[in-house]
Protein backbone atom coordinates (compact mmCIF):
# COMPACT_ATOMS: atom_id res chain seq x y z
CA MET A 1 122.23 92.17 88.23
CA ASP A 2 120.17 88.66 88.23
CA TYR A 3 116.73 89.76 88.97
CA GLY A 4 115.70 86.19 89.69
CA LEU A 5 118.06 85.91 92.52
CA TRP A 6 117.49 89.14 94.52
CA THR A 7 113.50 89.26 94.18
CA MET A 8 113.50 85.86 95.91
CA ASP A 9 114.64 87.41 99.03
CA SER A 10 112.79 90.76 98.69
CA PRO A 11 110.70 92.11 101.62
CA THR A 12 107.68 92.23 99.24
CA ARG A 13 108.00 88.45 98.63
CA ALA A 14 108.14 88.00 102.41
CA GLY A 15 104.93 89.84 102.98
CA TYR A 16 106.25 93.38 104.02
CA HIS A 17 105.09 96.72 102.67
CA PHE A 18 105.74 100.33 103.55
CA PRO A 19 102.49 101.84 105.23
CA ALA A 20 101.16 105.23 104.64
CA GLU A 21 102.38 107.95 106.96
CA TRP A 22 99.04 108.55 108.36
CA ALA A 23 98.88 104.83 109.56
CA PRO A 24 99.60 104.30 113.25
CA HIS A 25 103.09 104.94 114.52
CA THR A 26 105.00 103.37 117.19
CA ALA A 27 107.53 106.33 117.03
CA THR A 28 109.00 109.21 115.09
CA TRP A 29 112.89 108.87 114.64
CA LEU A 30 115.16 112.04 114.32
CA SER A 31 118.74 112.70 114.16
CA TRP A 32 119.77 115.72 116.41
CA PRO A 33 120.92 118.67 114.32
CA HIS A 34 124.53 119.48 114.97
CA LYS A 35 126.18 120.29 111.74
CA GLU A 36 126.92 123.91 111.47
CA GLU A 37 127.58 123.95 107.81
CA SER A 38 124.04 122.84 107.21
CA TRP A 39 122.64 126.08 108.78
CA PRO A 40 125.76 128.28 108.33
CA GLY A 41 125.53 131.23 110.59
CA LYS A 42 122.30 130.39 112.43
CA ILE A 43 122.18 126.83 113.68
CA GLU A 44 121.41 128.04 117.05
CA THR A 45 118.18 129.65 115.76
CA ILE A 46 116.78 126.27 114.49
CA TYR A 47 116.52 124.37 118.14
CA LYS A 48 113.28 126.39 119.30
CA PRO A 49 111.17 125.42 116.34
CA TYR A 50 112.73 121.85 116.18
CA CYS A 51 111.88 121.10 119.86
CA GLU A 52 108.46 122.64 119.35
CA PHE A 53 108.10 120.02 116.69
CA ILE A 54 109.03 117.28 119.07
CA LYS A 55 106.96 118.56 121.77
CA ILE A 56 103.68 118.34 119.55
CA LEU A 57 104.58 114.76 118.39
CA THR A 58 104.98 113.53 121.90
CA GLU A 59 101.42 114.10 122.45
CA GLY A 60 100.57 111.01 120.28
CA GLU A 61 103.89 109.02 120.18
CA LEU A 62 107.48 108.33 121.14
CA ILE A 63 110.21 110.41 119.89
CA ARG A 64 113.52 108.29 119.15
CA ILE A 65 116.53 110.44 118.64
CA ASN A 66 119.99 109.62 117.38
CA VAL A 67 122.73 111.49 119.11
CA LYS A 68 126.50 111.38 119.10
CA ASP A 69 127.19 110.86 122.89
CA VAL A 70 126.09 111.76 126.38
CA GLU A 71 127.13 115.41 125.85
CA MET A 72 124.80 115.75 122.87
CA GLU A 73 122.00 114.05 124.52
CA ALA A 74 122.33 116.52 127.55
CA PHE A 75 122.23 119.47 125.27
CA ALA A 76 119.02 117.94 123.53
CA LYS A 77 117.39 117.40 126.73
CA SER A 78 118.29 121.06 127.88
CA GLU A 79 116.64 122.45 124.70
CA LEU A 80 113.70 120.09 124.98
CA ALA A 81 113.16 121.27 128.51
CA LYS A 82 112.97 125.04 127.41
CA VAL A 83 109.84 124.39 125.30
CA GLY A 84 108.18 121.98 127.88
CA ALA A 85 108.43 118.88 125.93
CA ASP A 86 107.56 115.67 127.67
CA LEU A 87 110.95 114.00 128.05
CA SER A 88 109.29 110.90 129.37
CA LYS A 89 108.12 110.29 125.61
CA VAL A 90 111.72 110.78 124.24
CA GLU A 91 114.28 108.09 123.75
CA PHE A 92 118.13 108.74 122.71
CA PHE A 93 120.23 106.41 121.06
CA HIS A 94 124.04 106.84 120.80
CA PHE A 95 124.38 106.41 117.25
CA PRO A 96 126.26 109.20 115.63
CA THR A 97 125.25 110.87 112.50
CA ASN A 98 126.88 113.36 109.93
CA ASP A 99 123.79 115.40 109.60
CA ALA A 100 120.10 115.76 110.64
CA TRP A 101 118.04 114.72 107.75
CA CYS A 102 116.57 111.56 109.09
CA ARG A 103 113.99 111.24 106.36
CA ASP A 104 116.71 110.31 103.96
CA HIS A 105 119.27 108.54 106.13
CA GLY A 106 117.06 106.90 108.52
CA PRO A 107 115.37 103.36 108.45
CA ALA A 108 112.64 102.51 105.98
CA PHE A 109 110.45 100.64 108.35
CA LEU A 110 108.21 98.06 106.77
CA ILE A 111 105.51 95.90 108.50
CA ASN A 112 103.94 92.47 107.71
CA THR A 113 100.28 92.75 108.69
CA GLU A 114 99.86 88.94 108.81
CA THR A 115 102.82 88.04 111.00
CA LYS A 116 102.83 91.37 112.89
CA GLN A 117 106.56 91.68 112.25
CA LYS A 118 108.63 94.66 111.37
CA ALA A 119 111.71 94.98 109.08
CA ILE A 120 113.98 97.64 107.89
CA VAL A 121 115.37 98.61 104.51
CA ASP A 122 118.85 100.00 104.63
CA TRP A 123 119.11 101.74 101.16
CA GLY A 124 122.46 103.24 100.18
CA TYR A 125 123.02 106.79 101.08
CA ASN A 126 125.29 109.30 99.29
CA ALA A 127 124.12 112.79 100.50
CA TRP A 128 122.07 113.38 97.49
CA GLY A 129 124.37 112.75 94.78
CA ASP A 130 127.75 113.26 96.84
CA LYS A 131 126.93 116.72 97.44
CA TYR A 132 127.76 116.96 101.16
CA PRO A 133 130.55 114.49 102.19
CA PRO A 134 131.25 112.83 104.60
CA TYR A 135 128.15 110.62 105.08
CA ASP A 136 129.62 107.62 106.29
CA LEU A 137 127.85 107.74 109.71
CA ASP A 138 124.51 108.48 108.04
CA ASP A 139 124.67 105.45 105.57
CA VAL A 140 124.76 102.96 108.53
CA ILE A 141 121.98 104.23 110.76
CA PRO A 142 119.36 101.87 109.53
CA THR A 143 121.36 98.88 110.08
CA LYS A 144 122.43 100.11 113.60
CA ILE A 145 118.79 100.53 114.46
CA GLY A 146 117.81 97.18 113.07
CA GLU A 147 120.50 95.46 115.18
CA HIS A 148 119.43 97.39 118.29
CA PHE A 149 115.89 96.14 117.99
CA ASN A 150 116.93 92.74 116.29
CA LEU A 151 114.98 93.40 113.20
CA PRO A 152 115.62 92.05 109.80
CA VAL A 153 117.46 94.35 107.66
CA TYR A 154 117.52 94.47 103.80
CA HIS A 155 120.13 95.81 101.84
CA PRO A 156 119.05 96.47 98.22
CA GLY A 157 122.51 97.83 97.40
CA ILE A 158 121.11 101.00 95.52
CA VAL A 159 120.80 104.66 96.60
CA MET A 160 117.48 105.83 97.64
CA GLU A 161 116.06 108.56 100.07
CA GLY A 162 112.95 108.72 102.07
CA GLY A 163 112.11 112.13 100.90
CA SER A 164 112.00 111.08 97.19
CA VAL A 165 109.00 108.74 97.69
CA ASP A 166 105.29 108.92 99.08
CA PHE A 167 103.04 106.13 99.63
CA ASN A 168 99.02 105.86 99.73
CA GLY A 169 99.42 102.56 101.74
CA GLU A 170 97.33 100.67 98.93
CA GLY A 171 100.06 99.90 96.71
CA THR A 172 100.92 103.22 94.93
CA LEU A 173 104.19 105.12 95.26
CA LEU A 174 104.69 108.69 94.16
CA THR A 175 108.17 109.90 92.94
CA SER A 176 109.85 112.14 90.52
CA THR A 177 112.03 111.49 87.56
CA ALA A 178 114.29 114.56 88.47
CA CYS A 179 115.60 112.74 91.56
CA LEU A 180 115.28 109.05 90.94
CA LEU A 181 116.61 109.04 87.33
CA ASN A 182 119.43 111.47 88.24
CA GLU A 183 122.83 110.14 87.17
CA ASN A 184 124.28 111.11 90.58
CA ARG A 185 122.26 108.48 92.39
CA ASN A 186 122.23 105.08 90.46
CA PRO A 187 123.64 105.81 86.73
CA HIS A 188 123.72 102.11 86.19
CA LEU A 189 120.08 101.53 86.30
CA ASN A 190 117.26 102.76 84.03
CA GLN A 191 113.63 103.61 84.91
CA PRO A 192 112.18 100.08 84.69
CA GLN A 193 114.92 98.66 86.80
CA ILE A 194 114.58 101.36 89.54
CA GLU A 195 110.78 100.27 89.48
CA GLU A 196 111.63 97.01 90.17
CA TYR A 197 113.58 97.96 93.14
CA LEU A 198 110.71 100.04 94.39
CA LYS A 199 108.20 97.28 94.09
CA ASN A 200 110.58 94.48 95.68
CA TYR A 201 111.70 96.64 98.67
CA TYR A 202 108.64 98.86 99.26
CA GLY A 203 105.86 96.30 98.68
CA VAL A 204 104.09 98.61 96.06
CA GLN A 205 102.57 97.57 92.75
CA GLN A 206 102.48 100.92 90.91
CA ILE A 207 104.91 103.90 90.39
CA LEU A 208 103.49 107.23 89.61
CA TRP A 209 106.19 109.61 88.14
CA LEU A 210 106.18 113.28 88.39
CA GLY A 211 108.80 115.62 86.86
CA ASP A 212 110.97 118.48 88.32
CA GLY A 213 111.23 119.66 91.90
CA ILE A 214 110.91 123.13 93.13
CA VAL A 215 113.56 125.72 92.70
CA GLY A 216 116.18 125.79 95.56
CA ASP A 217 115.88 121.94 96.40
CA ASP A 218 119.31 120.55 96.63
CA THR A 219 118.04 117.16 96.45
CA ASP A 220 117.34 117.14 92.91
CA GLY A 221 113.41 117.17 93.27
CA HIS A 222 112.20 115.20 96.34
CA ILE A 223 108.54 114.62 95.94
CA ASP A 224 107.89 115.61 99.90
CA ASP A 225 108.41 119.43 98.67
CA ILE A 226 105.89 118.99 95.71
CA THR A 227 102.93 116.46 96.27
CA ARG A 228 101.83 114.25 99.10
CA PHE A 229 99.19 111.60 99.67
CA VAL A 230 96.69 112.68 102.35
CA ASN A 231 94.59 109.56 101.95
CA THR A 232 94.43 106.46 99.88
CA ASN A 233 93.15 108.44 96.88
CA THR A 234 93.80 111.99 97.33
CA VAL A 235 97.00 114.20 97.05
CA VAL A 236 97.73 117.73 98.03
CA THR A 237 100.19 119.45 95.39
CA VAL A 238 101.87 122.70 95.68
CA VAL A 239 100.92 125.23 92.76
CA GLU A 240 102.48 128.76 92.21
CA GLU A 241 99.96 131.57 91.54
CA ASN A 242 102.60 134.07 90.07
CA LYS A 243 103.19 133.11 86.42
CA HIS A 244 106.47 135.00 86.49
CA ASP A 245 107.84 132.78 89.35
CA GLU A 246 110.55 130.13 88.40
CA ASN A 247 108.36 127.48 89.92
CA TYR A 248 105.09 128.36 88.02
CA HIS A 249 105.69 126.22 84.95
CA ILE A 250 107.42 123.26 86.80
CA LEU A 251 104.54 122.89 89.27
CA GLN A 252 101.86 123.31 86.35
CA GLU A 253 103.44 120.45 84.56
CA ASN A 254 103.43 118.21 87.62
CA LEU A 255 99.66 119.26 88.12
CA GLN A 256 98.83 118.03 84.58
CA MET A 257 100.56 114.74 84.96
CA LEU A 258 98.53 114.13 88.22
CA ARG A 259 95.28 114.79 86.49
CA GLU A 260 96.10 112.15 83.93
CA PHE A 261 97.11 109.35 86.62
CA LYS A 262 95.00 106.55 87.51
CA LEU A 263 95.23 104.34 90.76
CA LEU A 264 95.45 100.57 90.77
CA ASN A 265 91.64 100.51 90.91
CA GLY A 266 91.44 102.57 87.77
CA GLU A 267 90.00 105.68 89.37
CA PRO A 268 91.73 109.23 88.96
CA LEU A 269 93.44 111.03 92.06
CA ASN A 270 91.46 113.35 93.87
CA ILE A 271 93.67 116.33 93.65
CA ILE A 272 93.89 119.31 96.15
CA GLU A 273 95.98 122.32 95.21
CA LEU A 274 98.23 123.82 98.00
CA PRO A 275 99.45 127.38 97.61
CA MET A 276 103.28 128.11 97.69
CA PRO A 277 104.78 130.70 99.99
CA SER A 278 106.28 133.82 98.55
CA PRO A 279 110.08 133.24 97.63
CA VAL A 280 112.02 132.74 100.93
CA VAL A 281 115.63 134.06 100.14
CA TYR A 282 118.54 134.26 102.65
CA ASP A 283 121.93 135.37 102.01
CA GLY A 284 121.30 135.68 98.25
CA GLN A 285 119.89 132.01 97.93
CA ARG A 286 116.38 131.10 97.28
CA LEU A 287 115.26 128.22 99.65
CA PRO A 288 113.01 125.33 98.97
CA ALA A 289 110.31 126.63 101.16
CA SER A 290 107.00 124.50 100.58
CA TYR A 291 103.94 123.73 102.60
CA ALA A 292 104.08 120.29 101.29
CA ASN A 293 106.91 119.42 103.65
CA PHE A 294 104.39 118.63 106.61
CA TYR A 295 104.83 115.53 108.66
CA ILE A 296 101.74 113.27 109.77
CA GLY A 297 102.04 112.30 113.40
CA ASN A 298 99.54 110.14 115.36
CA ALA A 299 98.04 113.10 117.05
CA ALA A 300 98.95 116.03 114.86
CA VAL A 301 100.16 117.24 111.43
CA VAL A 302 102.93 119.60 111.69
CA VAL A 303 103.34 122.13 108.75
CA PRO A 304 106.19 124.45 107.98
CA THR A 305 105.09 128.14 107.82
CA TYR A 306 107.18 131.07 106.70
CA ARG A 307 105.79 134.22 107.98
CA ASP A 308 103.87 134.65 104.76
CA LYS A 309 100.44 135.65 103.65
CA ASN A 310 99.66 132.10 102.53
CA ASP A 311 100.63 130.34 105.81
CA GLU A 312 96.93 130.28 107.09
CA LYS A 313 95.42 129.37 103.68
CA ALA A 314 97.76 126.29 103.61
CA LEU A 315 96.92 125.40 107.28
CA GLU A 316 93.15 125.56 106.50
CA ILE A 317 93.47 123.43 103.37
CA LEU A 318 95.42 120.82 105.26
CA ARG A 319 92.91 120.96 108.23
CA ALA A 320 90.10 119.85 105.92
CA CYS A 321 92.48 117.00 104.93
CA PHE A 322 93.07 115.68 108.37
CA PRO A 323 89.94 116.19 110.33
CA ASP A 324 90.88 113.52 112.77
CA ARG A 325 94.28 115.20 113.82
CA LYS A 326 95.39 118.60 115.07
CA VAL A 327 97.10 120.55 112.23
CA VAL A 328 99.75 122.79 113.66
CA GLY A 329 101.95 125.36 111.83
CA ILE A 330 105.49 125.99 113.19
CA ASP A 331 107.63 128.67 111.80
CA SER A 332 110.16 127.07 109.60
CA THR A 333 111.87 130.38 108.41
CA ASP A 334 115.30 129.50 110.01
CA ILE A 335 114.92 125.92 109.58
CA ILE A 336 114.61 125.99 105.83
CA TRP A 337 118.21 127.68 105.54
CA GLY A 338 119.11 124.13 106.10
CA LEU A 339 117.33 123.42 102.78
CA GLY A 340 114.65 121.13 104.33
CA SER A 341 112.01 121.18 107.02
CA PHE A 342 109.82 119.00 109.28
CA HIS A 343 109.21 116.08 106.97
CA CYS A 344 112.92 115.97 105.85
CA LEU A 345 113.92 115.74 109.46
CA SER A 346 111.69 113.03 110.57
CA GLN A 347 110.96 109.21 109.73
CA GLN A 348 108.17 107.31 111.11
CA GLU A 349 108.31 103.75 112.51
CA PRO A 350 104.97 102.21 112.07
CA ALA A 351 103.04 100.17 114.56
CA VAL A 352 102.22 96.48 113.75
């Protein structure tokens, strides 16, 4: 690929960047869950916590939901009504999807703070290395949304998922080698080439790489299960206290890497340790349960909980990180059977 050609038309060159998640939102985007194979044997159990998530977010912003048709929209409205969600804050778009994981297939919204304009990056999407075909409907969601709102849409032409990257809003992006360098995504690209794409399409100047993801994560190590920015110079990172747990050494190695990083201003990261829940196992399978998969809304931070002794400890740590927002735990024990939680299910649309 001729780098000189594609960088000329990059969003970064046009003045766009991907804001931090705590920056003001216009809306949160979701794709209504409907694929029974994602929650085999228990999809009906996820609608209550999913709708409670929406109810809390509507206190501070619009919710925009991709649905297949009027029938799915009616079902969604009935489920939302059961928890008392404010339906006046919920908008539906008849954009059919294969699955519910909007963080990964949804639009990556960029903003230009000078021109007050918004744009979308439509990365390629292959269901985490072609694990769960078909994914053709999911792959076109960003462009459909861009066309609906008459926004410019950039097509980098490589695979990238929203859960694999996290941002501090001041030029730094956090990711993992386990995911972005996996040969099932972009085998034709090496690490420096992938960094160029990240810089040119997300408007960042610095890439910080962690290693492996947690056990049970079928995305090959998404960052949003491990380490998250909570302000421009602070991260929370999950650690496992039990030295005999499979995650112990993985997370200790990532913690050591974080301690060695320097931000663009030369300062080290402020690191806050977040506990892990006890292993969550269903039908003989260990699930990627993590408190790091929280979502930062305008009015609230929604944290997955797991009926675990560390639930309240994790909530207290995150309440100290977000003194300006309500921090709410929602039981994710059933949702995590789909191998993701609230952050995986959502994608923010920033305000300009």
